[in-house]
């Protein structure tokens, strides 16, 4: 367990998922009061970019990241997965721009040594979750290029347009 994890109120959930090449996904009971400060501390501790996501009742998610090595004001960023549903739930999404989050996400992936997949990343940031925000989050993580993320059933989340009566999905899409 990373010492910085102690900054999360209630601790970090032990239900960690491990992906390929050492990538891990852990859960926290609550977000720390100083979210971006904690993400920066985690980046310092791990020597890598950090990302956190909160899935709200399976309906939508908020994501926040810290990308070290960026100019001041660009280290910390946040965005929404299904901003429309978040707004309907009373969350403040005024001024949210999925294009800005897309670019921040691509910079984050690059800083993490990953190759983002726009064919997965863009839909993750612009589609409605339709009650499957966890699936949308997995699509987002796969879109960042994190290897081995189980994307599961992508029906309704990613349509390549290849078939009018079915789904043809590939996450190996060139930028």
N, C-alpha and C. Protein backbone atom coordinates (compact mmCIF):
# COMPACT_ATOMS: atom_id res chain seq x y z
N UNK A 1 0.86 -1.18 0.00
CA UNK A 1 0.00 0.00 0.00
C UNK A 1 0.89 1.24 0.00
N UNK A 2 0.57 2.17 -0.86
CA UNK A 2 1.33 3.41 -0.93
C UNK A 2 1.02 4.29 0.28
N UNK A 3 2.03 4.91 0.89
CA UNK A 3 1.78 5.78 2.04
C UNK A 3 0.78 6.90 1.75
N UNK A 4 0.79 7.45 0.54
CA UNK A 4 -0.13 8.53 0.18
C UNK A 4 -1.58 8.07 0.25
N UNK A 5 -1.83 6.77 0.13
CA UNK A 5 -3.19 6.24 0.20
C UNK A 5 -3.84 6.57 1.54
N UNK A 6 -3.04 6.83 2.55
CA UNK A 6 -3.59 7.18 3.86
C UNK A 6 -4.33 8.51 3.83
N UNK A 7 -4.13 9.32 2.78
CA UNK A 7 -4.82 10.60 2.67
C UNK A 7 -6.28 10.45 2.28
N UNK A 8 -6.69 9.26 1.84
CA UNK A 8 -8.08 9.02 1.47
C UNK A 8 -8.89 8.69 2.71
N UNK A 9 -9.92 9.51 3.03
CA UNK A 9 -10.75 9.22 4.20
C UNK A 9 -11.41 7.86 4.06
N UNK A 10 -11.32 7.05 5.08
CA UNK A 10 -11.91 5.72 5.02
C UNK A 10 -11.00 4.70 4.37
N UNK A 11 -9.83 5.14 3.92
CA UNK A 11 -8.87 4.21 3.33
C UNK A 11 -9.16 3.88 1.88
N UNK A 12 -8.33 3.01 1.36
CA UNK A 12 -8.45 2.55 -0.01
C UNK A 12 -8.99 1.14 0.02
N UNK A 13 -9.98 0.90 -0.81
CA UNK A 13 -10.62 -0.40 -0.89
C UNK A 13 -9.62 -1.46 -1.34
N UNK A 14 -9.74 -2.65 -0.78
CA UNK A 14 -8.82 -3.72 -1.15
C UNK A 14 -9.23 -4.45 -2.41
N UNK A 15 -10.36 -4.09 -3.01
CA UNK A 15 -10.83 -4.73 -4.23
C UNK A 15 -10.09 -4.22 -5.45
N UNK A 16 -8.79 -4.28 -5.42
CA UNK A 16 -7.96 -3.75 -6.48
C UNK A 16 -8.00 -4.66 -7.71
N UNK A 17 -8.04 -4.02 -8.89
CA UNK A 17 -7.93 -4.76 -10.15
C UNK A 17 -6.53 -4.52 -10.68
N UNK A 18 -5.90 -5.57 -11.15
CA UNK A 18 -4.56 -5.45 -11.71
C UNK A 18 -4.65 -5.74 -13.20
N UNK A 19 -4.12 -4.82 -14.00
CA UNK A 19 -4.11 -4.96 -15.44
C UNK A 19 -2.70 -5.34 -15.88
N UNK A 20 -2.47 -5.36 -17.16
CA UNK A 20 -1.16 -5.71 -17.69
C UNK A 20 -0.13 -4.61 -17.41
N UNK A 21 1.13 -5.00 -17.43
CA UNK A 21 2.27 -4.09 -17.30
C UNK A 21 2.25 -3.27 -16.01
N UNK A 22 1.70 -3.83 -14.95
CA UNK A 22 1.74 -3.19 -13.64
C UNK A 22 0.67 -2.15 -13.37
N UNK A 23 -0.26 -1.93 -14.30
CA UNK A 23 -1.33 -0.97 -14.08
C UNK A 23 -2.32 -1.52 -13.08
N UNK A 24 -2.75 -0.67 -12.15
CA UNK A 24 -3.66 -1.08 -11.10
C UNK A 24 -4.81 -0.10 -10.97
N UNK A 25 -5.94 -0.63 -10.54
CA UNK A 25 -7.11 0.19 -10.28
C UNK A 25 -7.60 -0.18 -8.89
N UNK A 26 -7.60 0.79 -8.00
CA UNK A 26 -8.08 0.57 -6.64
C UNK A 26 -9.24 1.51 -6.37
N UNK A 27 -9.98 1.23 -5.35
CA UNK A 27 -11.12 2.07 -5.00
C UNK A 27 -10.94 2.72 -3.65
N UNK A 28 -11.53 3.87 -3.48
CA UNK A 28 -11.48 4.57 -2.21
C UNK A 28 -12.91 4.81 -1.73
N UNK A 29 -13.07 4.79 -0.42
CA UNK A 29 -14.38 5.02 0.16
C UNK A 29 -14.84 6.46 -0.09
N UNK A 30 -13.95 7.42 0.11
CA UNK A 30 -14.24 8.84 -0.10
C UNK A 30 -13.04 9.52 -0.72
N UNK A 31 -13.29 10.63 -1.39
CA UNK A 31 -12.19 11.41 -1.95
C UNK A 31 -11.57 12.25 -0.84
N UNK A 32 -10.25 12.50 -0.94
CA UNK A 32 -9.61 13.39 0.02
C UNK A 32 -10.09 14.83 -0.17
N UNK A 33 -9.99 15.60 0.89
CA UNK A 33 -10.44 16.99 0.81
C UNK A 33 -9.65 17.77 -0.24
N UNK A 34 -8.34 17.57 -0.28
CA UNK A 34 -7.48 18.22 -1.27
C UNK A 34 -7.19 17.20 -2.37
N UNK A 35 -8.14 17.04 -3.27
CA UNK A 35 -8.04 16.01 -4.30
C UNK A 35 -6.80 16.18 -5.17
N UNK A 36 -6.62 17.37 -5.74
CA UNK A 36 -5.50 17.57 -6.65
C UNK A 36 -4.16 17.51 -5.91
N UNK A 37 -4.13 17.97 -4.67
CA UNK A 37 -2.91 17.85 -3.87
C UNK A 37 -2.56 16.39 -3.61
N UNK A 38 -3.57 15.57 -3.36
CA UNK A 38 -3.34 14.14 -3.13
C UNK A 38 -2.89 13.46 -4.42
N UNK A 39 -3.50 13.82 -5.55
CA UNK A 39 -3.07 13.25 -6.82
C UNK A 39 -1.62 13.63 -7.13
N UNK A 40 -1.25 14.88 -6.82
CA UNK A 40 0.13 15.31 -7.03
C UNK A 40 1.07 14.52 -6.12
N UNK A 41 0.66 14.29 -4.87
CA UNK A 41 1.49 13.51 -3.95
C UNK A 41 1.64 12.07 -4.43
N UNK A 42 0.56 11.50 -4.96
CA UNK A 42 0.65 10.14 -5.52
C UNK A 42 1.59 10.11 -6.73
N UNK A 43 1.53 11.15 -7.56
CA UNK A 43 2.43 11.22 -8.71
C UNK A 43 3.88 11.30 -8.26
N UNK A 44 4.13 12.10 -7.23
CA UNK A 44 5.49 12.21 -6.70
C UNK A 44 5.95 10.86 -6.16
N UNK A 45 5.07 10.18 -5.43
CA UNK A 45 5.42 8.90 -4.81
C UNK A 45 5.65 7.81 -5.85
N UNK A 46 4.84 7.79 -6.90
CA UNK A 46 4.95 6.73 -7.90
C UNK A 46 5.83 7.10 -9.07
N UNK A 47 6.08 8.41 -9.25
CA UNK A 47 6.85 8.85 -10.40
C UNK A 47 6.07 8.78 -11.70
N UNK A 48 4.74 8.76 -11.59
CA UNK A 48 3.89 8.60 -12.77
C UNK A 48 2.65 9.48 -12.65
N UNK A 49 1.97 9.71 -13.76
CA UNK A 49 0.69 10.43 -13.72
C UNK A 49 -0.33 9.64 -12.89
N UNK A 50 -1.27 10.35 -12.30
CA UNK A 50 -2.30 9.68 -11.50
C UNK A 50 -3.68 10.10 -11.99
N UNK A 51 -4.64 9.23 -11.74
CA UNK A 51 -6.00 9.44 -12.20
C UNK A 51 -6.94 8.86 -11.15
N UNK A 52 -8.06 9.55 -10.93
CA UNK A 52 -9.07 9.05 -10.02
C UNK A 52 -10.43 9.24 -10.70
N UNK A 53 -11.32 8.33 -10.43
CA UNK A 53 -12.68 8.43 -10.98
C UNK A 53 -13.67 8.04 -9.89
N UNK A 54 -14.79 8.73 -9.88
CA UNK A 54 -15.87 8.41 -8.96
C UNK A 54 -17.09 8.10 -9.79
N UNK A 55 -17.56 6.87 -9.70
CA UNK A 55 -18.78 6.47 -10.40
C UNK A 55 -19.94 6.69 -9.44
N UNK A 56 -20.90 7.50 -9.86
CA UNK A 56 -22.04 7.86 -9.02
C UNK A 56 -23.24 6.99 -9.36
N UNK A 57 -23.53 6.03 -8.50
CA UNK A 57 -24.70 5.16 -8.65
C UNK A 57 -24.82 4.53 -10.04
N UNK A 58 -23.70 4.30 -10.68
CA UNK A 58 -23.70 3.68 -12.00
C UNK A 58 -24.21 4.57 -13.11
N UNK A 59 -24.56 5.82 -12.79
CA UNK A 59 -25.20 6.70 -13.77
C UNK A 59 -24.20 7.56 -14.55
N UNK A 60 -23.15 8.02 -13.91
CA UNK A 60 -22.15 8.88 -14.53
C UNK A 60 -20.89 8.80 -13.70
N UNK A 61 -19.83 9.42 -14.16
CA UNK A 61 -18.58 9.43 -13.40
C UNK A 61 -17.89 10.76 -13.58
N UNK A 62 -17.17 11.16 -12.55
CA UNK A 62 -16.27 12.30 -12.65
C UNK A 62 -14.86 11.73 -12.61
N UNK A 63 -14.01 12.27 -13.46
CA UNK A 63 -12.62 11.85 -13.50
C UNK A 63 -11.74 13.05 -13.20
N UNK A 64 -10.62 12.81 -12.57
CA UNK A 64 -9.66 13.87 -12.27
C UNK A 64 -8.26 13.28 -12.40
N UNK A 65 -7.36 14.07 -12.92
CA UNK A 65 -6.01 13.57 -13.12
C UNK A 65 -4.95 14.59 -12.79
N UNK A 66 -3.75 14.07 -12.58
CA UNK A 66 -2.56 14.91 -12.40
C UNK A 66 -1.52 14.41 -13.39
N UNK A 67 -1.03 15.32 -14.21
CA UNK A 67 -0.03 14.99 -15.22
C UNK A 67 1.23 15.78 -14.92
N UNK A 68 2.23 15.15 -14.29
CA UNK A 68 3.46 15.88 -13.99
C UNK A 68 4.17 16.30 -15.27
N UNK A 69 4.96 17.36 -15.16
CA UNK A 69 5.73 17.82 -16.30
C UNK A 69 4.97 18.75 -17.23
N UNK A 70 3.74 19.10 -16.88
CA UNK A 70 2.95 20.02 -17.70
C UNK A 70 3.14 21.44 -17.17
N UNK A 71 2.89 22.44 -18.01
CA UNK A 71 3.00 23.83 -17.55
C UNK A 71 2.03 24.09 -16.39
N UNK A 72 2.35 25.08 -15.55
CA UNK A 72 1.43 25.42 -14.45
C UNK A 72 0.02 25.65 -14.98
N UNK A 73 -0.95 25.15 -14.26
CA UNK A 73 -2.34 25.28 -14.67
C UNK A 73 -2.80 24.12 -15.54
N UNK A 74 -1.87 23.29 -16.02
CA UNK A 74 -2.24 22.14 -16.84
C UNK A 74 -1.90 20.81 -16.16
N UNK A 75 -1.33 20.89 -14.96
CA UNK A 75 -1.02 19.66 -14.21
C UNK A 75 -2.31 18.92 -13.85
N UNK A 76 -3.26 19.68 -13.32
CA UNK A 76 -4.49 19.10 -12.77
C UNK A 76 -5.66 19.37 -13.70
N UNK A 77 -6.49 18.37 -13.90
CA UNK A 77 -7.64 18.50 -14.78
C UNK A 77 -8.73 17.56 -14.30
N UNK A 78 -9.93 17.83 -14.77
CA UNK A 78 -11.06 16.95 -14.42
C UNK A 78 -12.06 16.96 -15.56
N UNK A 79 -12.93 15.98 -15.55
CA UNK A 79 -13.94 15.88 -16.59
C UNK A 79 -15.04 14.93 -16.18
N UNK A 80 -15.96 14.70 -17.09
CA UNK A 80 -17.14 13.89 -16.81
C UNK A 80 -17.29 12.77 -17.82
N UNK A 81 -17.80 11.66 -17.36
CA UNK A 81 -18.28 10.60 -18.23
C UNK A 81 -19.79 10.65 -18.08
N UNK A 82 -20.46 11.08 -19.12
CA UNK A 82 -21.89 11.34 -19.18
C UNK A 82 -22.26 12.60 -18.38
N UNK A 83 -21.74 13.73 -18.87
CA UNK A 83 -22.00 15.02 -18.23
C UNK A 83 -23.48 15.37 -18.22
N UNK A 84 -24.21 14.93 -19.23
CA UNK A 84 -25.65 15.24 -19.29
C UNK A 84 -26.40 14.63 -18.11
N UNK A 85 -26.12 13.39 -17.79
CA UNK A 85 -26.77 12.75 -16.65
C UNK A 85 -26.30 13.39 -15.34
N UNK A 86 -25.01 13.74 -15.27
CA UNK A 86 -24.49 14.40 -14.07
C UNK A 86 -25.22 15.71 -13.83
N UNK A 87 -25.44 16.49 -14.90
CA UNK A 87 -26.17 17.76 -14.78
C UNK A 87 -27.59 17.51 -14.30
N UNK A 88 -28.23 16.47 -14.82
CA UNK A 88 -29.59 16.12 -14.39
C UNK A 88 -29.66 15.69 -12.94
N UNK A 89 -28.50 15.27 -12.40
CA UNK A 89 -28.42 14.85 -11.00
C UNK A 89 -28.01 16.02 -10.09
N UNK A 90 -27.94 17.23 -10.68
CA UNK A 90 -27.62 18.42 -9.89
C UNK A 90 -26.15 18.76 -9.80
N UNK A 91 -25.30 18.05 -10.54
CA UNK A 91 -23.88 18.36 -10.52
C UNK A 91 -23.61 19.59 -11.39
N UNK A 92 -22.62 20.38 -11.00
CA UNK A 92 -22.28 21.59 -11.74
C UNK A 92 -21.36 21.24 -12.90
N UNK A 93 -21.91 21.18 -14.09
CA UNK A 93 -21.12 20.88 -15.29
C UNK A 93 -21.03 22.10 -16.21
N UNK A 94 -21.44 23.27 -15.71
CA UNK A 94 -21.37 24.49 -16.51
C UNK A 94 -19.95 24.72 -16.97
N UNK A 95 -19.80 25.00 -18.24
CA UNK A 95 -18.49 25.26 -18.80
C UNK A 95 -17.69 24.01 -19.14
N UNK A 96 -18.24 22.83 -18.86
CA UNK A 96 -17.52 21.60 -19.17
C UNK A 96 -17.39 21.44 -20.68
N UNK A 97 -16.21 21.08 -21.11
CA UNK A 97 -15.95 20.88 -22.54
C UNK A 97 -15.24 19.53 -22.70
N UNK A 98 -15.92 18.57 -23.30
CA UNK A 98 -15.36 17.23 -23.50
C UNK A 98 -14.09 17.29 -24.34
N UNK A 99 -13.98 18.27 -25.24
CA UNK A 99 -12.78 18.38 -26.07
C UNK A 99 -11.56 18.70 -25.22
N UNK A 100 -11.73 19.56 -24.21
CA UNK A 100 -10.62 19.90 -23.32
C UNK A 100 -10.21 18.66 -22.51
N UNK A 101 -11.20 17.93 -21.99
CA UNK A 101 -10.89 16.72 -21.23
C UNK A 101 -10.23 15.69 -22.14
N UNK A 102 -10.64 15.60 -23.38
CA UNK A 102 -10.03 14.69 -24.34
C UNK A 102 -8.54 15.02 -24.50
N UNK A 103 -8.23 16.31 -24.70
CA UNK A 103 -6.82 16.70 -24.87
C UNK A 103 -6.02 16.46 -23.59
N UNK A 104 -6.59 16.77 -22.43
CA UNK A 104 -5.91 16.51 -21.15
C UNK A 104 -5.67 15.01 -20.98
N UNK A 105 -6.65 14.21 -21.36
CA UNK A 105 -6.53 12.76 -21.26
C UNK A 105 -5.44 12.24 -22.17
N UNK A 106 -5.35 12.78 -23.37
CA UNK A 106 -4.29 12.36 -24.31
C UNK A 106 -2.92 12.73 -23.77
N UNK A 107 -2.79 13.94 -23.18
CA UNK A 107 -1.50 14.33 -22.59
C UNK A 107 -1.16 13.42 -21.42
N UNK A 108 -2.18 13.08 -20.62
CA UNK A 108 -1.97 12.18 -19.48
C UNK A 108 -1.45 10.83 -19.98
N UNK A 109 -2.09 10.29 -21.01
CA UNK A 109 -1.69 9.00 -21.56
C UNK A 109 -0.25 9.07 -22.09
N UNK A 110 0.07 10.13 -22.81
CA UNK A 110 1.42 10.29 -23.35
C UNK A 110 2.45 10.35 -22.22
N UNK A 111 2.13 11.11 -21.16
CA UNK A 111 3.05 11.21 -20.02
C UNK A 111 3.20 9.87 -19.31
N UNK A 112 2.17 9.03 -19.39
CA UNK A 112 2.21 7.71 -18.76
C UNK A 112 2.87 6.67 -19.67
N UNK A 113 3.32 7.10 -20.85
CA UNK A 113 3.96 6.18 -21.78
C UNK A 113 2.97 5.31 -22.54
N UNK A 114 1.74 5.77 -22.62
CA UNK A 114 0.69 5.02 -23.29
C UNK A 114 0.33 5.66 -24.62
N UNK A 115 -0.37 4.92 -25.44
CA UNK A 115 -0.87 5.43 -26.72
C UNK A 115 -2.39 5.46 -26.63
N UNK A 116 -2.94 6.67 -26.56
CA UNK A 116 -4.40 6.82 -26.46
C UNK A 116 -5.06 6.36 -27.75
N UNK A 117 -6.27 5.84 -27.63
CA UNK A 117 -7.06 5.38 -28.77
C UNK A 117 -8.28 6.28 -28.90
N UNK A 118 -8.24 7.19 -29.88
CA UNK A 118 -9.34 8.14 -30.00
C UNK A 118 -10.67 7.45 -30.29
N UNK A 119 -10.63 6.29 -30.93
CA UNK A 119 -11.87 5.56 -31.23
C UNK A 119 -12.58 5.06 -29.99
N UNK A 120 -11.88 4.98 -28.87
CA UNK A 120 -12.50 4.61 -27.60
C UNK A 120 -12.61 5.81 -26.67
N UNK A 121 -11.59 6.67 -26.69
CA UNK A 121 -11.55 7.80 -25.76
C UNK A 121 -12.66 8.81 -26.04
N UNK A 122 -12.86 9.16 -27.29
CA UNK A 122 -13.90 10.16 -27.61
C UNK A 122 -15.29 9.68 -27.23
N UNK A 123 -15.69 8.45 -27.59
CA UNK A 123 -17.03 8.00 -27.17
C UNK A 123 -17.17 7.95 -25.66
N UNK A 124 -16.11 7.58 -24.95
CA UNK A 124 -16.19 7.52 -23.49
C UNK A 124 -16.50 8.89 -22.90
N UNK A 125 -16.01 9.93 -23.54
CA UNK A 125 -16.20 11.29 -23.03
C UNK A 125 -17.46 11.96 -23.55
N UNK A 126 -18.11 11.37 -24.55
CA UNK A 126 -19.25 12.05 -25.16
C UNK A 126 -20.55 11.25 -25.12
N UNK A 127 -20.50 9.98 -24.85
CA UNK A 127 -21.71 9.14 -24.85
C UNK A 127 -22.40 9.19 -23.50
N UNK A 128 -23.69 8.87 -23.51
CA UNK A 128 -24.42 8.70 -22.26
C UNK A 128 -24.16 7.29 -21.75
N UNK A 129 -24.10 7.15 -20.45
CA UNK A 129 -23.80 5.85 -19.84
C UNK A 129 -25.00 4.92 -19.84
N UNK A 130 -26.20 5.48 -19.86
CA UNK A 130 -27.42 4.67 -19.81
C UNK A 130 -27.36 3.65 -18.68
N UNK A 131 -26.91 4.11 -17.51
CA UNK A 131 -26.85 3.26 -16.33
C UNK A 131 -25.64 2.35 -16.28
N UNK A 132 -24.73 2.49 -17.23
CA UNK A 132 -23.54 1.64 -17.28
C UNK A 132 -22.28 2.49 -17.21
N UNK A 133 -22.17 3.33 -16.19
CA UNK A 133 -21.02 4.21 -16.06
C UNK A 133 -19.74 3.43 -15.81
N UNK A 134 -19.84 2.26 -15.19
CA UNK A 134 -18.65 1.43 -14.98
C UNK A 134 -18.12 0.96 -16.33
N UNK A 135 -19.01 0.56 -17.23
CA UNK A 135 -18.59 0.18 -18.57
C UNK A 135 -17.99 1.36 -19.32
N UNK A 136 -18.58 2.54 -19.14
CA UNK A 136 -18.05 3.74 -19.77
C UNK A 136 -16.66 4.07 -19.21
N UNK A 137 -16.47 3.86 -17.91
CA UNK A 137 -15.16 4.08 -17.29
C UNK A 137 -14.13 3.10 -17.85
N UNK A 138 -14.52 1.84 -17.99
CA UNK A 138 -13.59 0.86 -18.58
C UNK A 138 -13.24 1.25 -20.01
N UNK A 139 -14.22 1.73 -20.77
CA UNK A 139 -13.96 2.20 -22.12
C UNK A 139 -12.99 3.38 -22.09
N UNK A 140 -13.17 4.29 -21.14
CA UNK A 140 -12.27 5.44 -20.99
C UNK A 140 -10.85 4.97 -20.69
N UNK A 141 -10.71 4.03 -19.74
CA UNK A 141 -9.38 3.52 -19.39
C UNK A 141 -8.73 2.83 -20.58
N UNK A 142 -9.51 2.05 -21.32
CA UNK A 142 -8.98 1.43 -22.54
C UNK A 142 -8.60 2.50 -23.55
N UNK A 143 -9.40 3.56 -23.63
CA UNK A 143 -9.10 4.66 -24.53
C UNK A 143 -7.81 5.38 -24.18
N UNK A 144 -7.47 5.38 -22.90
CA UNK A 144 -6.19 5.96 -22.48
C UNK A 144 -5.02 5.09 -22.93
N UNK A 145 -5.32 3.84 -23.28
CA UNK A 145 -4.27 2.93 -23.71
C UNK A 145 -3.77 2.02 -22.61
N UNK A 146 -4.45 2.00 -21.47
CA UNK A 146 -4.04 1.12 -20.38
C UNK A 146 -4.23 -0.32 -20.84
N UNK A 147 -3.16 -1.10 -20.86
CA UNK A 147 -3.24 -2.46 -21.41
C UNK A 147 -4.00 -3.42 -20.48
N UNK A 148 -4.81 -4.26 -21.10
CA UNK A 148 -5.48 -5.32 -20.36
C UNK A 148 -6.75 -4.93 -19.65
N UNK A 149 -7.29 -3.74 -19.92
CA UNK A 149 -8.54 -3.33 -19.28
C UNK A 149 -9.69 -4.15 -19.88
N UNK A 150 -10.44 -4.85 -19.03
CA UNK A 150 -11.57 -5.62 -19.56
C UNK A 150 -12.73 -4.69 -19.90
N UNK A 151 -12.97 -4.45 -21.17
CA UNK A 151 -14.00 -3.50 -21.54
C UNK A 151 -15.40 -4.11 -21.47
N UNK A 152 -15.50 -5.42 -21.48
CA UNK A 152 -16.81 -6.05 -21.32
C UNK A 152 -17.73 -5.77 -22.48
N UNK A 153 -19.00 -5.64 -22.19
CA UNK A 153 -20.03 -5.45 -23.20
C UNK A 153 -20.07 -3.98 -23.59
N UNK A 154 -19.66 -3.69 -24.81
CA UNK A 154 -19.62 -2.31 -25.28
C UNK A 154 -20.89 -1.91 -26.02
N UNK A 155 -21.90 -2.76 -26.03
CA UNK A 155 -23.12 -2.47 -26.77
C UNK A 155 -23.68 -1.11 -26.33
N UNK A 156 -23.80 -0.22 -27.27
CA UNK A 156 -24.34 1.10 -26.99
C UNK A 156 -23.30 2.12 -26.59
N UNK A 157 -22.07 1.69 -26.30
CA UNK A 157 -21.05 2.64 -25.88
C UNK A 157 -20.09 2.99 -27.01
N UNK A 158 -19.86 2.05 -27.90
CA UNK A 158 -18.91 2.29 -28.98
C UNK A 158 -19.45 1.66 -30.24
N UNK A 159 -19.74 2.46 -31.23
CA UNK A 159 -20.26 1.97 -32.50
C UNK A 159 -19.29 2.39 -33.58
N UNK A 160 -18.67 1.43 -34.20
CA UNK A 160 -17.71 1.75 -35.25
C UNK A 160 -18.41 2.16 -36.53
N UNK A 161 -19.72 1.90 -36.63
CA UNK A 161 -20.45 2.23 -37.83
C UNK A 161 -20.25 1.21 -38.94
N UNK A 162 -19.53 0.13 -38.64
CA UNK A 162 -19.23 -0.86 -39.67
C UNK A 162 -20.45 -1.67 -40.06
N UNK A 163 -21.34 -1.90 -39.12
CA UNK A 163 -22.52 -2.71 -39.39
C UNK A 163 -23.76 -1.97 -38.93
N UNK A 164 -24.80 -1.99 -39.73
CA UNK A 164 -26.01 -1.30 -39.33
C UNK A 164 -26.84 -2.12 -38.35
N UNK A 165 -26.64 -3.45 -38.34
CA UNK A 165 -27.44 -4.28 -37.44
C UNK A 165 -26.61 -4.94 -36.35
N UNK A 166 -25.40 -4.48 -36.14
CA UNK A 166 -24.55 -5.09 -35.11
C UNK A 166 -23.40 -4.19 -34.76
N UNK A 167 -22.49 -4.73 -33.98
CA UNK A 167 -21.37 -3.93 -33.49
C UNK A 167 -20.07 -4.52 -33.97
N UNK A 168 -19.19 -3.67 -34.43
CA UNK A 168 -17.85 -4.07 -34.82
C UNK A 168 -16.90 -3.16 -34.04
N UNK A 169 -16.17 -3.74 -33.12
CA UNK A 169 -15.37 -2.93 -32.20
C UNK A 169 -13.91 -3.29 -32.31
N UNK A 170 -13.06 -2.26 -32.34
CA UNK A 170 -11.63 -2.46 -32.28
C UNK A 170 -11.03 -1.32 -31.49
N UNK A 171 -10.18 -1.64 -30.54
CA UNK A 171 -9.53 -0.59 -29.75
C UNK A 171 -8.13 -0.31 -30.28
N UNK A 172 -7.73 -0.95 -31.37
CA UNK A 172 -6.44 -0.72 -31.97
C UNK A 172 -6.60 0.25 -33.13
N UNK A 173 -6.97 1.48 -32.81
CA UNK A 173 -7.28 2.50 -33.80
C UNK A 173 -6.18 3.56 -33.78
N UNK A 174 -5.60 3.84 -34.91
CA UNK A 174 -4.53 4.83 -34.99
C UNK A 174 -5.07 6.22 -34.79
N UNK A 175 -4.22 7.07 -34.21
CA UNK A 175 -4.60 8.47 -34.04
C UNK A 175 -4.47 9.15 -35.32
